[in-house]
Amino acid sequence: MKTCQIEDDLVSELTTLNNKLNTLSPAWVHDEQGREAIQERRLTLQAEIKQHRIKGHDGNHCPAFDARKPFSHSR
């Protein structure tokens, strides 16, 4: 299976942010700006991952993503 360091890094950062959001209690955050900033970065990372998978390697699909696509039968 092919891997892609760029995608791995983006997914790792997204996972870290998801974990951070899960541990942030609204009661602990005196200012909702911190939570909103994390949520905004999550959305940006999700868009970056999607864009990378589509055209992340010189305008071509990411080979690591192509390798993970489920096998489809052509009829």
Protein backbone atom coordinates (compact mmCIF):
# COMPACT_ATOMS: atom_id res chain seq x y z
CA MET A 1 0.00 0.00 0.00
CA LYS A 2 1.38 3.37 -0.96
CA THR A 3 1.69 6.06 1.67
CA CYS A 4 1.85 9.82 1.40
CA GLN A 5 3.66 11.85 4.05
CA ILE A 6 1.71 15.00 3.17
CA GLU A 7 -1.63 13.30 3.74
CA ASP A 8 -0.33 11.51 6.84
CA ASP A 9 0.72 14.87 8.32
CA LEU A 10 -2.64 16.50 7.54
CA VAL A 11 -4.59 13.58 8.98
CA SER A 12 -2.38 13.54 12.07
CA GLU A 13 -2.98 17.24 12.67
CA LEU A 14 -6.73 16.74 12.20
CA THR A 15 -6.71 13.85 14.68
CA THR A 16 -4.87 15.99 17.21
CA LEU A 17 -7.41 18.77 16.82
CA ASN A 18 -10.30 16.31 17.15
CA ASN A 19 -8.80 14.97 20.36
CA LYS A 20 -8.27 18.50 21.65
CA LEU A 21 -11.90 19.40 20.91
CA ASN A 22 -13.09 16.25 22.65
CA THR A 23 -11.20 17.19 25.81
CA LEU A 24 -12.29 20.84 25.84
CA SER A 25 -15.21 21.33 28.10
CA PRO A 26 -17.20 24.51 27.49
CA ALA A 27 -16.97 25.07 31.26
CA TRP A 28 -13.15 25.13 30.97
CA VAL A 29 -13.15 27.62 28.12
CA HIS A 30 -13.86 31.09 29.43
CA ASP A 31 -13.83 32.36 25.89
CA GLU A 32 -15.51 30.49 23.06
CA GLN A 33 -12.91 31.91 20.65
CA GLY A 34 -10.49 29.10 21.48
CA ARG A 35 -13.05 26.44 20.67
CA GLU A 36 -14.16 28.27 17.52
CA ALA A 37 -10.55 28.63 16.34
CA ILE A 38 -10.01 24.88 16.70
CA GLN A 39 -13.28 24.13 14.91
CA GLU A 40 -12.32 26.48 12.07
CA ARG A 41 -8.88 24.84 11.71
CA ARG A 42 -10.57 21.40 11.64
CA LEU A 43 -12.77 22.48 8.74
CA THR A 44 -9.76 23.94 6.92
CA LEU A 45 -7.78 20.70 7.40
CA GLN A 46 -10.68 18.60 6.16
CA ALA A 47 -10.81 20.74 3.01
CA GLU A 48 -7.01 20.52 2.60
CA ILE A 49 -7.10 16.72 2.91
CA LYS A 50 -9.89 16.48 0.34
CA GLN A 51 -8.06 18.82 -2.05
CA HIS A 52 -4.79 16.94 -1.57
CA ARG A 53 -6.44 13.62 -2.34
CA ILE A 54 -7.87 15.06 -5.57
CA LYS A 55 -4.96 17.13 -6.88
CA GLY A 56 -2.17 16.98 -4.33
CA HIS A 57 0.67 15.70 -6.49
CA ASP A 58 1.36 18.03 -9.38
CA GLY A 59 -2.33 18.15 -10.22
CA ASN A 60 -2.82 14.39 -9.93
CA HIS A 61 -4.66 12.23 -7.41
CA CYS A 62 -2.69 11.26 -4.32
CA PRO A 63 -1.36 7.74 -4.98
CA ALA A 64 -1.91 6.79 -1.34
CA PHE A 65 -5.59 7.69 -1.61
CA ASP A 66 -5.93 5.85 -4.92
CA ALA A 67 -4.44 2.75 -3.25
CA ARG A 68 -7.07 2.88 -0.47
CA LYS A 69 -10.08 3.15 -2.78
CA PRO A 70 -12.28 0.09 -2.51
CA PHE A 71 -12.11 -2.31 -5.41
CA SER A 72 -14.95 -1.68 -7.81
CA HIS A 73 -16.17 -4.01 -10.50
CA SER A 74 -16.68 -2.60 -13.97
CA ARG A 75 -19.63 -4.00 -15.76
